[in-house]
């Protein structure tokens, strides 16, 4: 079975320290990052990433052009390949499409790493400060 293509986003902001927005199902699911399938045939990861951030977390901002990393996982008998972007959050919406089924919360980077269930996402979160530093040095954040 071929791998399903997905995109995930690590939403962040700098408010006297690096903070990451995590989401989870309201019924007490694991904390994670916005993620979803690539729905259009052009496999536009950036467009899908912006849509997932809006739908699942109610956030808008500056999406990275470059991928932070990627990971694979299995679920319901299927294999998934996920490419991960970042989003510097500029706006948090009061209302968003999945607000009835998902909750969102800001965490310090250390707290976020401790709460995320997937080991591969924890590793990417740990890389975020270096990635942001490199992007700032290039004037791209």
N, C-alpha and C. Protein backbone atom coordinates (compact mmCIF):
# COMPACT_ATOMS: atom_id res chain seq x y z
N UNK A 1 0.84 -1.18 0.00
CA UNK A 1 0.00 0.00 0.00
C UNK A 1 0.88 1.25 0.00
N UNK A 2 0.63 2.21 -0.90
CA UNK A 2 1.44 3.43 -0.93
C UNK A 2 1.18 4.28 0.30
N UNK A 3 2.15 5.11 0.62
CA UNK A 3 2.02 6.00 1.76
C UNK A 3 1.10 7.17 1.41
N UNK A 4 0.23 7.53 2.36
CA UNK A 4 -0.61 8.71 2.20
C UNK A 4 0.25 9.94 2.49
N UNK A 5 0.11 10.96 1.67
CA UNK A 5 0.88 12.19 1.86
C UNK A 5 0.12 13.14 2.77
N UNK A 6 0.84 13.61 3.79
CA UNK A 6 0.25 14.55 4.73
C UNK A 6 1.22 15.70 4.99
N UNK A 7 0.66 16.77 5.56
CA UNK A 7 1.47 17.90 5.99
C UNK A 7 1.08 18.22 7.43
N UNK A 8 2.07 18.59 8.22
CA UNK A 8 1.83 19.03 9.59
C UNK A 8 2.52 20.37 9.79
N UNK A 9 2.09 21.08 10.81
CA UNK A 9 2.62 22.42 11.06
C UNK A 9 2.93 22.57 12.54
N UNK A 10 4.09 23.14 12.83
CA UNK A 10 4.42 23.53 14.20
C UNK A 10 4.18 25.03 14.30
N UNK A 11 3.08 25.44 14.96
CA UNK A 11 2.78 26.85 15.13
C UNK A 11 3.56 27.40 16.33
N UNK A 12 4.18 28.56 16.16
CA UNK A 12 5.01 29.12 17.23
C UNK A 12 4.89 30.63 17.29
N UNK A 13 5.29 31.16 18.44
CA UNK A 13 5.41 32.61 18.63
C UNK A 13 6.47 32.86 19.69
N UNK A 14 7.01 34.06 19.66
CA UNK A 14 8.04 34.45 20.63
C UNK A 14 7.43 35.52 21.52
N UNK A 15 7.09 35.13 22.71
CA UNK A 15 6.51 36.05 23.70
C UNK A 15 7.35 35.99 24.96
N UNK A 16 8.55 36.56 24.90
CA UNK A 16 9.45 36.46 26.03
C UNK A 16 9.97 35.05 26.19
N UNK A 17 10.01 34.33 25.11
CA UNK A 17 10.41 32.93 25.06
C UNK A 17 9.59 32.23 24.00
N UNK A 18 10.10 31.14 23.55
CA UNK A 18 9.45 30.39 22.47
C UNK A 18 8.26 29.61 23.01
N UNK A 19 7.09 29.80 22.37
CA UNK A 19 5.87 29.09 22.73
C UNK A 19 5.32 28.39 21.49
N UNK A 20 4.74 27.21 21.71
CA UNK A 20 4.21 26.39 20.64
C UNK A 20 2.73 26.14 20.92
N UNK A 21 1.92 26.21 19.87
CA UNK A 21 0.49 25.91 20.00
C UNK A 21 0.27 24.44 19.69
N UNK A 22 -0.35 23.73 20.62
CA UNK A 22 -0.70 22.33 20.41
C UNK A 22 -2.20 22.18 20.39
N UNK A 23 -2.67 21.12 19.74
CA UNK A 23 -4.10 20.84 19.66
C UNK A 23 -4.36 19.40 20.08
N UNK A 24 -5.61 19.13 20.45
CA UNK A 24 -6.03 17.77 20.73
C UNK A 24 -7.54 17.69 20.64
N UNK A 25 -8.04 16.48 20.52
CA UNK A 25 -9.49 16.27 20.52
C UNK A 25 -10.01 16.66 21.90
N UNK A 26 -11.17 17.25 21.96
CA UNK A 26 -11.73 17.73 23.22
C UNK A 26 -12.01 16.62 24.22
N UNK A 27 -12.13 15.40 23.77
CA UNK A 27 -12.42 14.29 24.68
C UNK A 27 -11.16 13.74 25.33
N UNK A 28 -10.10 14.54 25.37
CA UNK A 28 -8.90 14.14 26.09
C UNK A 28 -7.88 13.37 25.29
N UNK A 29 -7.82 13.59 24.00
CA UNK A 29 -6.82 12.92 23.18
C UNK A 29 -5.41 13.41 23.49
N UNK A 30 -4.45 12.86 22.77
CA UNK A 30 -3.05 13.27 22.93
C UNK A 30 -2.84 14.64 22.30
N UNK A 31 -1.95 15.40 22.89
CA UNK A 31 -1.58 16.69 22.30
C UNK A 31 -0.72 16.45 21.07
N UNK A 32 -0.91 17.28 20.07
CA UNK A 32 -0.14 17.17 18.85
C UNK A 32 -0.16 18.49 18.10
N UNK A 33 0.21 18.44 16.85
CA UNK A 33 0.27 19.62 16.00
C UNK A 33 -0.75 19.46 14.87
N UNK A 34 -1.21 20.58 14.30
CA UNK A 34 -2.15 20.47 13.17
C UNK A 34 -1.54 19.63 12.04
N UNK A 35 -2.37 18.74 11.51
CA UNK A 35 -1.87 17.80 10.48
C UNK A 35 -3.05 17.34 9.65
N UNK A 36 -2.80 17.10 8.37
CA UNK A 36 -3.86 16.58 7.52
C UNK A 36 -3.35 16.10 6.18
N UNK A 37 -4.24 15.46 5.47
CA UNK A 37 -3.92 14.93 4.14
C UNK A 37 -3.84 16.04 3.10
N UNK A 38 -3.08 15.77 2.08
CA UNK A 38 -3.02 16.66 0.93
C UNK A 38 -4.21 16.29 0.05
N UNK A 39 -5.16 17.21 -0.07
CA UNK A 39 -6.41 16.89 -0.75
C UNK A 39 -6.41 17.20 -2.25
N UNK A 40 -5.59 18.16 -2.67
CA UNK A 40 -5.63 18.46 -4.10
C UNK A 40 -4.57 17.67 -4.86
N UNK A 41 -4.79 17.48 -6.12
CA UNK A 41 -3.92 16.65 -6.94
C UNK A 41 -2.54 17.27 -7.19
N UNK A 42 -2.40 18.57 -6.93
CA UNK A 42 -1.11 19.23 -7.15
C UNK A 42 -0.15 19.00 -5.99
N UNK A 43 -0.63 18.37 -4.90
CA UNK A 43 0.19 18.11 -3.71
C UNK A 43 0.83 19.40 -3.21
N UNK A 44 0.00 20.44 -3.08
CA UNK A 44 0.47 21.73 -2.59
C UNK A 44 0.51 21.69 -1.06
N UNK A 45 1.67 21.35 -0.52
CA UNK A 45 1.84 21.21 0.91
C UNK A 45 1.57 22.53 1.65
N UNK A 46 2.02 23.64 1.09
CA UNK A 46 1.88 24.92 1.76
C UNK A 46 0.41 25.35 1.84
N UNK A 47 -0.31 25.16 0.77
CA UNK A 47 -1.74 25.49 0.78
C UNK A 47 -2.48 24.60 1.79
N UNK A 48 -2.18 23.32 1.79
CA UNK A 48 -2.83 22.40 2.73
C UNK A 48 -2.47 22.76 4.17
N UNK A 49 -1.23 23.18 4.41
CA UNK A 49 -0.80 23.54 5.76
C UNK A 49 -1.59 24.73 6.28
N UNK A 50 -1.77 25.74 5.46
CA UNK A 50 -2.55 26.92 5.85
C UNK A 50 -3.98 26.52 6.17
N UNK A 51 -4.57 25.65 5.34
CA UNK A 51 -5.94 25.18 5.58
C UNK A 51 -6.06 24.42 6.89
N UNK A 52 -5.11 23.52 7.16
CA UNK A 52 -5.16 22.73 8.40
C UNK A 52 -5.03 23.63 9.63
N UNK A 53 -4.16 24.63 9.56
CA UNK A 53 -4.01 25.55 10.69
C UNK A 53 -5.30 26.30 10.96
N UNK A 54 -5.96 26.73 9.91
CA UNK A 54 -7.23 27.44 10.07
C UNK A 54 -8.30 26.50 10.62
N UNK A 55 -8.47 25.34 10.01
CA UNK A 55 -9.55 24.42 10.39
C UNK A 55 -9.37 23.84 11.79
N UNK A 56 -8.17 23.32 12.09
CA UNK A 56 -7.96 22.59 13.33
C UNK A 56 -7.59 23.47 14.51
N UNK A 57 -6.93 24.61 14.27
CA UNK A 57 -6.42 25.42 15.37
C UNK A 57 -6.90 26.87 15.36
N UNK A 58 -7.49 27.33 14.26
CA UNK A 58 -7.95 28.71 14.21
C UNK A 58 -6.82 29.72 14.29
N UNK A 59 -5.76 29.46 13.54
CA UNK A 59 -4.62 30.36 13.55
C UNK A 59 -4.22 30.75 12.13
N UNK A 60 -3.61 31.92 12.03
CA UNK A 60 -3.08 32.43 10.78
C UNK A 60 -1.69 32.98 11.04
N UNK A 61 -0.88 33.00 10.02
CA UNK A 61 0.45 33.54 10.18
C UNK A 61 1.31 33.32 8.96
N UNK A 62 2.60 33.35 9.21
CA UNK A 62 3.58 33.20 8.12
C UNK A 62 4.08 31.75 8.08
N UNK A 63 3.72 31.06 7.02
CA UNK A 63 4.12 29.66 6.85
C UNK A 63 5.53 29.61 6.28
N UNK A 64 6.31 28.68 6.75
CA UNK A 64 7.68 28.54 6.23
C UNK A 64 7.63 27.99 4.81
N UNK A 65 8.59 28.36 4.01
CA UNK A 65 8.69 27.81 2.65
C UNK A 65 9.45 26.49 2.70
N UNK A 66 10.38 26.40 3.63
CA UNK A 66 11.22 25.21 3.75
C UNK A 66 10.64 24.30 4.82
N UNK A 67 10.76 23.00 4.61
CA UNK A 67 10.28 22.02 5.58
C UNK A 67 11.27 21.88 6.73
N UNK A 68 10.74 21.77 7.93
CA UNK A 68 11.56 21.54 9.11
C UNK A 68 12.03 20.09 9.14
N UNK A 69 11.18 19.20 8.70
CA UNK A 69 11.52 17.78 8.71
C UNK A 69 10.35 16.95 8.23
N UNK A 70 10.41 15.66 8.52
CA UNK A 70 9.35 14.75 8.11
C UNK A 70 9.37 13.52 9.01
N UNK A 71 8.27 12.78 8.99
CA UNK A 71 8.19 11.54 9.75
C UNK A 71 7.16 10.63 9.12
N UNK A 72 7.21 9.36 9.52
CA UNK A 72 6.26 8.35 9.04
C UNK A 72 5.53 7.76 10.24
N UNK A 73 4.31 7.31 10.01
CA UNK A 73 3.58 6.59 11.05
C UNK A 73 2.54 5.69 10.40
N UNK A 74 2.04 4.75 11.18
CA UNK A 74 0.98 3.84 10.73
C UNK A 74 -0.27 4.10 11.56
N UNK A 75 -1.42 4.04 10.89
CA UNK A 75 -2.69 4.22 11.59
C UNK A 75 -3.80 3.55 10.78
N UNK A 76 -4.62 2.82 11.47
CA UNK A 76 -5.76 2.13 10.84
C UNK A 76 -5.33 1.31 9.63
N UNK A 77 -4.20 0.65 9.74
CA UNK A 77 -3.72 -0.20 8.66
C UNK A 77 -3.05 0.52 7.52
N UNK A 78 -2.97 1.85 7.59
CA UNK A 78 -2.35 2.61 6.51
C UNK A 78 -1.02 3.22 6.92
N UNK A 79 -0.19 3.48 5.92
CA UNK A 79 1.09 4.14 6.15
C UNK A 79 0.97 5.60 5.74
N UNK A 80 1.55 6.49 6.54
CA UNK A 80 1.46 7.92 6.27
C UNK A 80 2.86 8.53 6.30
N UNK A 81 3.10 9.40 5.33
CA UNK A 81 4.35 10.16 5.27
C UNK A 81 3.97 11.63 5.47
N UNK A 82 4.56 12.26 6.49
CA UNK A 82 4.20 13.62 6.87
C UNK A 82 5.41 14.53 6.72
N UNK A 83 5.23 15.60 5.97
CA UNK A 83 6.25 16.65 5.87
C UNK A 83 5.82 17.79 6.78
N UNK A 84 6.77 18.37 7.51
CA UNK A 84 6.45 19.33 8.56
C UNK A 84 6.98 20.73 8.22
N UNK A 85 6.08 21.69 8.28
CA UNK A 85 6.39 23.10 8.11
C UNK A 85 6.25 23.81 9.46
N UNK A 86 6.60 25.07 9.51
CA UNK A 86 6.36 25.87 10.71
C UNK A 86 5.48 27.05 10.33
N UNK A 87 4.81 27.60 11.33
CA UNK A 87 3.98 28.78 11.12
C UNK A 87 4.24 29.75 12.26
N UNK A 88 4.75 30.92 11.93
CA UNK A 88 4.88 31.98 12.94
C UNK A 88 3.50 32.61 13.07
N UNK A 89 2.86 32.38 14.19
CA UNK A 89 1.47 32.78 14.39
C UNK A 89 1.36 34.29 14.52
N UNK A 90 0.50 34.86 13.71
CA UNK A 90 0.25 36.31 13.73
C UNK A 90 -1.14 36.61 14.29
N UNK A 91 -2.06 35.64 14.13
CA UNK A 91 -3.45 35.89 14.52
C UNK A 91 -4.08 34.60 15.04
N UNK A 92 -4.75 34.70 16.20
CA UNK A 92 -5.50 33.59 16.77
C UNK A 92 -6.97 33.96 16.67
N UNK A 93 -7.72 33.16 15.94
CA UNK A 93 -9.14 33.44 15.71
C UNK A 93 -9.99 32.97 16.88
N UNK A 94 -11.04 33.72 17.18
CA UNK A 94 -11.95 33.32 18.26
C UNK A 94 -12.80 32.13 17.82
N UNK A 95 -13.17 32.10 16.57
CA UNK A 95 -13.98 31.00 16.02
C UNK A 95 -13.22 30.32 14.90
N UNK A 96 -13.32 29.00 14.85
CA UNK A 96 -12.69 28.25 13.77
C UNK A 96 -13.49 26.98 13.53
N UNK A 97 -13.37 26.39 12.33
CA UNK A 97 -14.24 25.29 11.94
C UNK A 97 -14.30 24.10 12.90
N UNK A 98 -13.19 23.70 13.50
CA UNK A 98 -13.20 22.50 14.35
C UNK A 98 -13.16 22.82 15.84
N UNK A 99 -13.59 24.00 16.22
CA UNK A 99 -13.50 24.41 17.63
C UNK A 99 -14.39 23.56 18.55
N UNK A 100 -15.41 22.94 18.01
CA UNK A 100 -16.27 22.09 18.84
C UNK A 100 -15.64 20.74 19.14
N UNK A 101 -14.69 20.32 18.31
CA UNK A 101 -14.09 18.99 18.52
C UNK A 101 -12.62 19.04 18.93
N UNK A 102 -11.99 20.22 18.80
CA UNK A 102 -10.57 20.33 19.15
C UNK A 102 -10.35 21.49 20.11
N UNK A 103 -9.43 21.27 21.03
CA UNK A 103 -9.00 22.36 21.88
C UNK A 103 -7.57 22.71 21.52
N UNK A 104 -7.19 23.91 21.85
CA UNK A 104 -5.84 24.38 21.56
C UNK A 104 -5.29 25.05 22.81
N UNK A 105 -3.97 25.02 22.95
CA UNK A 105 -3.33 25.66 24.08
C UNK A 105 -1.88 25.98 23.73
N UNK A 106 -1.39 27.08 24.30
CA UNK A 106 0.00 27.48 24.14
C UNK A 106 0.83 26.85 25.25
N UNK A 107 2.02 26.38 24.88
CA UNK A 107 2.95 25.78 25.84
C UNK A 107 4.35 26.33 25.57
N UNK A 108 5.15 26.42 26.63
CA UNK A 108 6.55 26.70 26.41
C UNK A 108 7.10 25.52 25.59
N UNK A 109 8.21 25.72 24.95
CA UNK A 109 8.77 24.65 24.12
C UNK A 109 9.02 23.39 24.95
N UNK A 110 9.60 23.55 26.13
CA UNK A 110 9.87 22.39 26.98
C UNK A 110 8.61 21.64 27.38
N UNK A 111 7.56 22.38 27.73
CA UNK A 111 6.29 21.75 28.08
C UNK A 111 5.68 21.05 26.87
N UNK A 112 5.78 21.69 25.71
CA UNK A 112 5.22 21.09 24.50
C UNK A 112 5.91 19.76 24.19
N UNK A 113 7.23 19.73 24.30
CA UNK A 113 7.97 18.50 24.04
C UNK A 113 7.53 17.41 25.01
N UNK A 114 7.27 17.78 26.25
CA UNK A 114 6.83 16.81 27.24
C UNK A 114 5.41 16.31 27.05
N UNK A 115 4.57 17.06 26.36
CA UNK A 115 3.16 16.69 26.20
C UNK A 115 2.84 15.96 24.90
N UNK A 116 3.64 16.18 23.88
CA UNK A 116 3.36 15.56 22.58
C UNK A 116 3.61 14.06 22.66
N UNK A 117 2.67 13.29 22.15
CA UNK A 117 2.78 11.85 22.24
C UNK A 117 3.75 11.21 21.26
N UNK A 118 3.84 11.74 20.07
CA UNK A 118 4.65 11.12 19.02
C UNK A 118 6.13 11.50 19.16
N UNK A 119 7.00 10.51 19.30
CA UNK A 119 8.44 10.73 19.50
C UNK A 119 9.04 11.54 18.36
N UNK A 120 8.64 11.27 17.12
CA UNK A 120 9.20 11.99 15.98
C UNK A 120 8.83 13.47 16.01
N UNK A 121 7.66 13.81 16.53
CA UNK A 121 7.26 15.21 16.64
C UNK A 121 8.04 15.88 17.78
N UNK A 122 8.28 15.16 18.86
CA UNK A 122 9.10 15.70 19.95
C UNK A 122 10.48 16.07 19.43
N UNK A 123 11.05 15.23 18.59
CA UNK A 123 12.38 15.50 18.04
C UNK A 123 12.37 16.75 17.16
N UNK A 124 11.32 16.93 16.37
CA UNK A 124 11.21 18.12 15.53
C UNK A 124 11.02 19.37 16.37
N UNK A 125 10.23 19.27 17.43
CA UNK A 125 10.06 20.41 18.34
C UNK A 125 11.40 20.82 18.94
N UNK A 126 12.22 19.84 19.29
CA UNK A 126 13.53 20.12 19.87
C UNK A 126 14.44 20.86 18.88
N UNK A 127 14.22 20.66 17.58
CA UNK A 127 15.01 21.33 16.55
C UNK A 127 14.53 22.75 16.26
N UNK A 128 13.35 23.09 16.72
CA UNK A 128 12.74 24.38 16.37
C UNK A 128 13.60 25.60 16.71
N UNK A 129 14.18 25.71 17.90
CA UNK A 129 15.00 26.91 18.19
C UNK A 129 16.15 27.11 17.22
N UNK A 130 16.84 26.04 16.85
CA UNK A 130 17.94 26.15 15.88
C UNK A 130 17.41 26.58 14.52
N UNK A 131 16.31 25.99 14.11
CA UNK A 131 15.71 26.30 12.82
C UNK A 131 15.29 27.77 12.76
N UNK A 132 14.64 28.25 13.82
CA UNK A 132 14.21 29.65 13.87
C UNK A 132 15.44 30.56 13.85
N UNK A 133 16.47 30.22 14.61
CA UNK A 133 17.69 31.01 14.63
C UNK A 133 18.33 31.13 13.26
N UNK A 134 18.38 30.03 12.52
CA UNK A 134 18.93 30.06 11.16
C UNK A 134 18.09 30.93 10.25
N UNK A 135 16.77 30.83 10.36
CA UNK A 135 15.87 31.61 9.52
C UNK A 135 15.97 33.10 9.84
N UNK A 136 16.11 33.43 11.14
CA UNK A 136 16.26 34.84 11.54
C UNK A 136 17.55 35.41 10.95
N UNK A 137 18.62 34.64 11.00
CA UNK A 137 19.91 35.08 10.48
C UNK A 137 19.81 35.39 8.98
N UNK A 138 18.94 34.67 8.29
CA UNK A 138 18.76 34.89 6.85
C UNK A 138 17.68 35.93 6.55
N UNK A 139 17.04 36.47 7.59
CA UNK A 139 15.96 37.44 7.41
C UNK A 139 14.68 36.83 6.88
N UNK A 140 14.44 35.56 7.19
CA UNK A 140 13.28 34.85 6.64
C UNK A 140 12.25 34.47 7.69
N UNK A 141 12.30 35.08 8.86
CA UNK A 141 11.29 34.79 9.90
C UNK A 141 10.57 36.05 10.24
